[in-house]
N, C-alpha and C. Protein backbone atom coordinates (compact mmCIF):
# COMPACT_ATOMS: atom_id res chain seq x y z
N MET A 1 8.84 23.84 29.30
CA MET A 1 10.10 23.30 28.58
C MET A 1 10.29 24.30 27.37
N ASP A 2 11.55 24.86 27.14
CA ASP A 2 11.67 25.66 26.08
C ASP A 2 11.98 24.79 24.74
N ILE A 3 11.39 25.38 23.75
CA ILE A 3 11.56 24.50 22.49
C ILE A 3 12.90 24.35 21.86
N ARG A 4 13.70 25.32 22.05
CA ARG A 4 15.06 25.12 21.55
C ARG A 4 15.86 24.00 22.56
N GLU A 5 15.49 24.00 23.78
CA GLU A 5 16.12 22.94 24.64
C GLU A 5 15.48 21.56 24.26
N ALA A 6 14.21 21.54 24.02
CA ALA A 6 13.47 20.30 23.85
C ALA A 6 14.02 19.74 22.48
N THR A 7 14.33 20.54 21.57
CA THR A 7 14.64 19.96 20.22
C THR A 7 16.21 19.99 19.87
N LYS A 8 16.87 20.24 20.97
CA LYS A 8 18.45 20.11 20.88
C LYS A 8 18.74 18.67 20.37
N GLY A 9 19.41 18.58 19.36
CA GLY A 9 19.81 17.33 18.74
C GLY A 9 18.74 16.58 17.74
N LEU A 10 17.54 17.12 17.86
CA LEU A 10 16.63 16.60 16.92
C LEU A 10 16.82 17.05 15.50
N LYS A 11 16.81 16.31 14.59
CA LYS A 11 17.26 16.57 13.19
C LYS A 11 16.13 16.85 12.27
N ARG A 12 14.80 16.77 12.80
CA ARG A 12 13.62 17.01 11.88
C ARG A 12 13.54 15.79 10.83
N LYS A 13 13.72 14.58 11.26
CA LYS A 13 13.66 13.44 10.38
C LYS A 13 12.43 12.84 10.13
N GLY A 14 11.28 13.48 10.59
CA GLY A 14 10.06 13.00 10.25
C GLY A 14 9.59 13.23 8.89
N SER A 15 8.40 12.78 8.55
CA SER A 15 7.68 13.27 7.29
C SER A 15 6.41 13.58 7.33
N GLY A 16 5.99 14.34 6.30
CA GLY A 16 4.66 14.99 6.51
C GLY A 16 4.59 16.44 6.28
N PHE A 17 3.61 16.95 7.18
CA PHE A 17 3.45 18.53 6.98
C PHE A 17 2.83 18.96 8.18
N ILE A 18 3.06 20.19 8.53
CA ILE A 18 2.39 21.10 9.51
C ILE A 18 1.92 22.42 8.74
N THR A 19 0.65 22.72 8.78
CA THR A 19 0.32 24.13 8.20
C THR A 19 0.11 25.23 9.40
N VAL A 20 0.31 26.33 9.12
CA VAL A 20 -0.17 27.40 10.14
C VAL A 20 -0.68 28.56 9.37
N LYS A 21 -1.66 29.20 10.17
CA LYS A 21 -2.34 30.47 9.60
C LYS A 21 -2.22 31.40 10.95
N GLN A 22 -1.88 32.64 10.65
CA GLN A 22 -1.95 33.54 11.80
C GLN A 22 -3.10 34.61 11.56
N ASN A 23 -3.99 34.48 12.38
CA ASN A 23 -5.21 35.37 12.48
C ASN A 23 -6.02 35.27 11.03
N GLY A 24 -6.08 33.83 10.62
CA GLY A 24 -6.86 33.77 9.39
C GLY A 24 -6.21 34.13 8.05
N GLY A 25 -4.79 34.44 8.22
CA GLY A 25 -4.05 34.97 7.07
C GLY A 25 -3.79 33.77 6.03
N LYS A 26 -2.71 34.01 5.33
CA LYS A 26 -2.12 33.18 4.42
C LYS A 26 -1.70 31.91 5.05
N GLU A 27 -1.84 30.78 4.50
CA GLU A 27 -1.33 29.44 5.13
C GLU A 27 0.15 29.30 4.79
N HIS A 28 0.92 28.84 5.75
CA HIS A 28 2.16 28.41 5.45
C HIS A 28 2.38 26.95 5.70
N LYS A 29 3.12 26.19 4.80
CA LYS A 29 3.13 24.69 5.05
C LYS A 29 4.64 24.28 5.31
N PHE A 30 4.94 23.73 6.40
CA PHE A 30 6.19 23.33 6.78
C PHE A 30 6.27 21.79 6.49
N THR A 31 7.24 21.39 5.72
CA THR A 31 7.53 20.09 5.43
C THR A 31 8.87 19.51 6.01
N SER A 32 9.61 20.28 6.58
CA SER A 32 10.78 19.88 7.46
C SER A 32 10.14 19.73 8.89
N VAL A 33 9.70 18.48 9.31
CA VAL A 33 8.98 18.23 10.45
C VAL A 33 9.48 16.99 11.21
N ASP A 34 9.07 17.01 12.32
CA ASP A 34 9.14 15.70 13.11
C ASP A 34 8.17 15.67 14.32
N LEU A 35 7.95 14.38 14.53
CA LEU A 35 7.21 13.89 15.62
C LEU A 35 7.88 13.17 16.75
N HIS A 36 7.99 13.62 17.86
CA HIS A 36 8.94 12.89 18.80
C HIS A 36 8.31 12.74 20.25
N ASP A 37 8.38 11.49 20.54
CA ASP A 37 7.63 11.08 22.00
C ASP A 37 8.86 11.18 22.90
N PHE A 38 8.54 11.69 24.10
CA PHE A 38 9.51 11.75 25.05
C PHE A 38 9.25 10.71 26.26
N GLY A 39 8.34 9.88 25.90
CA GLY A 39 7.98 8.86 27.05
C GLY A 39 6.72 8.94 27.70
N ASN A 40 6.27 7.97 28.26
CA ASN A 40 4.94 7.92 28.67
C ASN A 40 4.53 8.99 29.73
N ASP A 41 5.56 9.33 30.49
CA ASP A 41 5.29 10.42 31.70
C ASP A 41 5.44 11.78 31.04
N LYS A 42 5.91 11.98 29.90
CA LYS A 42 6.39 13.30 29.43
C LYS A 42 5.50 13.88 28.24
N GLY A 43 4.89 13.07 27.56
CA GLY A 43 4.23 13.38 26.30
C GLY A 43 5.13 13.53 25.16
N GLY A 44 4.73 14.40 24.15
CA GLY A 44 5.73 14.51 22.86
C GLY A 44 5.43 15.88 22.27
N LEU A 45 6.08 15.89 21.19
CA LEU A 45 6.47 17.26 20.39
C LEU A 45 6.21 17.01 19.03
N MET A 46 5.37 18.02 18.38
CA MET A 46 5.23 18.07 16.94
C MET A 46 5.91 19.29 16.47
N VAL A 47 6.80 19.34 15.55
CA VAL A 47 7.61 20.54 15.21
C VAL A 47 7.68 20.69 13.82
N GLY A 48 7.64 21.88 13.17
CA GLY A 48 7.88 22.15 11.85
C GLY A 48 8.71 23.35 11.68
N GLY A 49 9.61 23.33 10.74
CA GLY A 49 10.46 24.50 10.66
C GLY A 49 11.08 24.68 9.23
N ASP A 50 11.57 25.91 8.93
CA ASP A 50 12.32 26.00 7.69
C ASP A 50 13.88 25.89 7.96
N TYR A 51 14.48 24.99 7.22
CA TYR A 51 15.81 24.71 7.47
C TYR A 51 16.69 26.01 7.72
N GLU A 52 17.64 25.85 8.70
CA GLU A 52 18.55 26.90 9.06
C GLU A 52 17.96 28.27 9.56
N THR A 53 16.67 28.31 9.94
CA THR A 53 16.07 29.45 10.30
C THR A 53 15.37 29.15 11.58
N TYR A 54 14.88 30.28 12.27
CA TYR A 54 14.17 30.09 13.57
C TYR A 54 12.67 30.22 13.13
N HIS A 55 12.27 30.19 11.91
CA HIS A 55 10.88 30.11 11.42
C HIS A 55 10.16 28.88 11.79
N MET A 56 9.52 28.71 12.83
CA MET A 56 9.06 27.24 13.27
C MET A 56 7.78 27.28 14.02
N ILE A 57 7.13 26.09 14.03
CA ILE A 57 5.91 25.93 14.77
C ILE A 57 6.19 24.73 15.72
N ASP A 58 5.64 24.85 16.79
CA ASP A 58 5.92 23.75 17.84
C ASP A 58 4.69 23.67 18.81
N PHE A 59 4.16 22.46 19.02
CA PHE A 59 3.05 22.29 19.89
C PHE A 59 3.30 20.72 20.23
N GLY A 60 2.76 20.52 21.59
CA GLY A 60 3.02 19.09 22.10
C GLY A 60 1.73 18.50 22.40
N TYR A 61 1.84 17.21 22.83
CA TYR A 61 0.67 16.35 23.20
C TYR A 61 0.96 15.86 24.62
N PRO A 62 -0.04 15.55 25.28
CA PRO A 62 0.05 15.30 26.72
C PRO A 62 0.64 13.95 26.99
N ALA A 63 1.19 13.90 28.29
CA ALA A 63 1.68 12.45 28.73
C ALA A 63 0.46 11.50 28.75
N ARG A 64 0.94 10.31 28.60
CA ARG A 64 0.04 9.08 28.66
C ARG A 64 -0.95 9.03 27.44
N SER A 65 -0.46 9.64 26.38
CA SER A 65 -1.28 9.51 25.01
C SER A 65 -1.22 8.16 24.58
N THR A 66 -2.12 7.66 23.70
CA THR A 66 -2.27 6.34 23.31
C THR A 66 -2.85 6.48 21.89
N ASP A 67 -2.51 5.35 21.18
CA ASP A 67 -3.16 5.45 19.67
C ASP A 67 -4.74 5.57 19.78
N GLY A 68 -5.16 6.24 18.75
CA GLY A 68 -6.66 6.59 18.77
C GLY A 68 -6.76 8.05 18.72
N SER A 69 -8.05 8.41 18.73
CA SER A 69 -8.34 9.99 18.49
C SER A 69 -8.60 10.66 19.84
N HIS A 70 -7.87 11.73 20.02
CA HIS A 70 -7.94 12.55 21.31
C HIS A 70 -8.20 14.01 21.18
N LYS A 71 -8.58 14.53 22.13
CA LYS A 71 -8.78 16.14 22.12
C LYS A 71 -8.12 16.47 23.53
N ALA A 72 -7.33 17.54 23.41
CA ALA A 72 -6.57 18.07 24.57
C ALA A 72 -6.60 19.53 24.58
N HIS A 73 -6.68 20.01 25.61
CA HIS A 73 -6.77 21.69 25.89
C HIS A 73 -5.38 22.05 26.46
N TYR A 74 -4.75 23.05 25.85
CA TYR A 74 -3.50 23.65 26.29
C TYR A 74 -3.84 24.79 27.24
N LYS A 75 -3.36 24.85 28.32
CA LYS A 75 -2.51 24.04 29.35
C LYS A 75 -3.31 23.09 30.21
N LYS A 76 -4.55 23.05 30.32
CA LYS A 76 -5.33 22.26 31.29
C LYS A 76 -4.99 20.83 31.32
N ASP A 77 -4.78 20.10 30.11
CA ASP A 77 -4.54 18.74 29.88
C ASP A 77 -3.07 18.33 29.93
N PHE A 78 -2.23 19.34 30.23
CA PHE A 78 -0.80 19.07 30.19
C PHE A 78 -0.22 19.16 31.68
N SER A 79 0.56 18.15 31.95
CA SER A 79 1.14 18.12 33.19
C SER A 79 2.23 19.22 33.34
N ASP A 80 2.73 19.46 34.53
CA ASP A 80 3.77 20.24 34.67
C ASP A 80 5.13 19.54 35.07
N PRO A 81 6.22 19.74 34.31
CA PRO A 81 6.45 20.77 33.26
C PRO A 81 5.88 20.37 31.94
N TYR A 82 5.28 21.17 31.16
CA TYR A 82 4.82 20.92 29.90
C TYR A 82 5.51 21.75 28.83
N MET A 83 5.42 21.23 27.64
CA MET A 83 5.95 21.89 26.39
C MET A 83 5.30 23.14 26.14
N THR A 84 5.96 24.13 25.99
CA THR A 84 5.32 25.48 25.54
C THR A 84 5.04 25.41 24.15
N TRP A 85 3.75 25.68 23.66
CA TRP A 85 3.36 25.84 22.40
C TRP A 85 3.74 27.37 21.77
N SER A 86 4.30 27.27 20.54
CA SER A 86 4.75 28.50 20.09
C SER A 86 5.00 28.56 18.53
N TYR A 87 4.96 29.79 17.96
CA TYR A 87 5.30 29.97 16.66
C TYR A 87 6.19 31.15 16.45
N SER A 88 7.45 30.97 15.94
CA SER A 88 8.34 31.83 15.65
C SER A 88 8.32 32.35 14.13
N ASP A 89 7.92 33.51 13.94
CA ASP A 89 7.74 33.98 12.58
C ASP A 89 8.94 34.27 11.78
N ARG A 90 8.84 34.73 10.59
CA ARG A 90 10.12 35.21 9.84
C ARG A 90 10.79 36.12 10.23
N GLU A 91 10.10 37.07 10.86
CA GLU A 91 10.72 38.40 11.40
C GLU A 91 11.48 38.10 12.78
N GLY A 92 11.54 36.90 13.36
CA GLY A 92 12.11 36.57 14.41
C GLY A 92 11.50 36.73 15.68
N MET A 93 10.11 36.93 15.65
CA MET A 93 9.14 37.26 16.87
C MET A 93 8.50 35.93 17.28
N THR A 94 8.72 35.54 18.54
CA THR A 94 8.03 34.33 19.00
C THR A 94 6.73 34.69 19.65
N HIS A 95 5.74 33.77 19.22
CA HIS A 95 4.41 34.16 19.80
C HIS A 95 4.03 32.87 20.54
N VAL A 96 3.86 32.90 21.97
CA VAL A 96 3.64 31.97 22.83
C VAL A 96 2.20 31.78 23.16
N ALA A 97 1.81 30.52 23.19
CA ALA A 97 0.36 30.31 23.51
C ALA A 97 0.02 30.44 24.90
N ASP A 98 -1.34 30.93 25.12
CA ASP A 98 -1.79 31.07 26.45
C ASP A 98 -2.77 30.10 26.58
N LYS A 99 -3.53 29.62 25.45
CA LYS A 99 -4.49 28.58 25.43
C LYS A 99 -4.60 28.01 24.17
N GLY A 100 -5.13 26.74 24.08
CA GLY A 100 -5.12 26.10 22.76
C GLY A 100 -5.94 24.74 22.97
N GLU A 101 -6.10 24.25 21.62
CA GLU A 101 -6.72 22.94 21.62
C GLU A 101 -6.04 22.04 20.45
N LEU A 102 -5.96 20.86 20.73
CA LEU A 102 -5.44 19.88 19.82
C LEU A 102 -6.41 18.71 19.71
N ASN A 103 -6.56 18.49 18.39
CA ASN A 103 -7.42 17.26 17.94
C ASN A 103 -6.53 16.41 17.21
N VAL A 104 -6.23 15.09 17.65
CA VAL A 104 -5.28 14.24 17.09
C VAL A 104 -5.68 12.93 17.05
N THR A 105 -5.29 12.17 16.12
CA THR A 105 -5.49 10.83 15.94
C THR A 105 -4.11 10.24 15.84
N PHE A 106 -3.74 9.35 16.76
CA PHE A 106 -2.35 8.58 16.86
C PHE A 106 -2.58 7.31 16.22
N SER A 107 -1.43 6.77 15.62
CA SER A 107 -1.30 5.33 15.11
C SER A 107 -0.01 5.11 14.96
N ASN A 108 0.20 3.61 14.96
CA ASN A 108 1.60 3.05 14.96
C ASN A 108 2.27 3.30 16.16
N TYR A 109 1.71 3.09 17.31
CA TYR A 109 2.27 3.26 18.45
C TYR A 109 2.97 4.77 18.78
N LEU A 110 2.16 5.69 18.51
CA LEU A 110 2.33 7.24 18.43
C LEU A 110 3.45 7.59 17.43
N ASN A 111 3.69 6.83 16.61
CA ASN A 111 4.62 7.17 15.39
C ASN A 111 4.12 7.86 14.17
N ALA A 112 2.60 8.03 14.35
CA ALA A 112 1.95 8.78 13.27
C ALA A 112 1.01 9.56 13.99
N ALA A 113 0.75 10.76 13.42
CA ALA A 113 -0.27 11.60 14.18
C ALA A 113 -0.85 12.41 12.94
N LYS A 114 -2.03 12.62 13.08
CA LYS A 114 -2.94 13.49 11.99
C LYS A 114 -4.05 14.34 12.81
N GLY A 115 -4.23 15.50 12.40
CA GLY A 115 -5.19 16.22 13.15
C GLY A 115 -5.08 17.86 12.88
N SER A 116 -5.67 18.59 13.91
CA SER A 116 -5.62 20.00 13.86
C SER A 116 -5.16 20.66 15.21
N TYR A 117 -4.82 21.77 15.12
CA TYR A 117 -4.53 22.44 16.48
C TYR A 117 -5.04 24.05 16.27
N SER A 118 -5.17 24.62 17.28
CA SER A 118 -5.36 26.08 17.37
C SER A 118 -4.91 26.54 18.76
N PHE A 119 -4.33 27.82 18.58
CA PHE A 119 -3.99 28.38 20.01
C PHE A 119 -3.97 29.95 19.83
N GLU A 120 -4.11 30.65 20.99
CA GLU A 120 -4.18 32.06 20.98
C GLU A 120 -3.14 32.71 22.09
N THR A 121 -2.44 33.62 21.72
CA THR A 121 -1.67 34.24 22.82
C THR A 121 -2.37 35.25 23.67
N LYS A 122 -1.75 35.58 24.71
CA LYS A 122 -2.27 36.61 25.67
C LYS A 122 -2.64 37.92 25.05
N GLU A 123 -1.92 38.19 24.00
CA GLU A 123 -2.24 39.45 23.43
C GLU A 123 -3.39 39.26 22.21
N GLY A 124 -3.97 38.10 22.12
CA GLY A 124 -5.11 37.78 21.23
C GLY A 124 -4.79 37.44 19.90
N THR A 125 -3.58 37.17 19.50
CA THR A 125 -3.10 36.63 18.29
C THR A 125 -3.49 35.26 18.21
N LYS A 126 -4.10 34.77 17.04
CA LYS A 126 -4.68 33.43 16.80
C LYS A 126 -3.93 32.73 15.87
N PHE A 127 -3.63 31.38 16.10
CA PHE A 127 -2.89 30.59 15.16
C PHE A 127 -3.79 29.30 15.00
N GLU A 128 -3.88 28.56 13.81
CA GLU A 128 -4.44 27.41 13.63
C GLU A 128 -3.81 26.76 12.45
N GLY A 129 -4.06 25.42 12.32
CA GLY A 129 -3.39 24.63 11.24
C GLY A 129 -3.83 23.17 11.43
N THR A 130 -3.12 22.40 10.48
CA THR A 130 -3.39 21.03 10.45
C THR A 130 -2.01 20.37 10.37
N PHE A 131 -2.09 19.02 10.52
CA PHE A 131 -0.76 18.31 10.52
C PHE A 131 -1.08 16.87 10.08
N ASP A 132 -0.11 16.26 9.43
CA ASP A 132 -0.18 14.85 9.11
C ASP A 132 1.32 14.39 9.15
N LEU A 133 1.71 13.71 10.33
CA LEU A 133 3.09 13.59 10.61
C LEU A 133 3.44 11.98 10.80
N LYS A 134 4.65 11.63 10.43
CA LYS A 134 5.30 10.40 10.81
C LYS A 134 6.62 10.48 11.36
N ALA A 135 6.95 9.84 12.53
CA ALA A 135 8.13 10.20 13.26
C ALA A 135 9.35 9.53 12.32
N GLY A 136 10.46 10.16 12.49
CA GLY A 136 11.62 9.80 11.56
C GLY A 136 12.32 8.58 12.03
């Protein structure tokens, strides 16, 4: 699923933050965020972005997630079709994950999520960060 299609109509009404570092560089913190569940059979989305730009980070969590602590491996633990993990930088380049890992603790019926993620593109670019989100 393409991020622009998945987020169509979402207004990033959540609260909290998502951080991102590219290849261990300077950390960027997004505070315009959302946590959105697409239903039991589809999983959900965590997204952070700068208002009115395509500078954003997005990654998902697997279908049938429940409150509690979980570890998931992208793409292995994600059903098809799954949400593409990606980072769109300030220069307009989109980096798409080839593999990744999500460590998350959900609470409040999937309306709060806290944890860390990392992913790598086919070209070897690495991204990592933390998040602490509440659905809007």
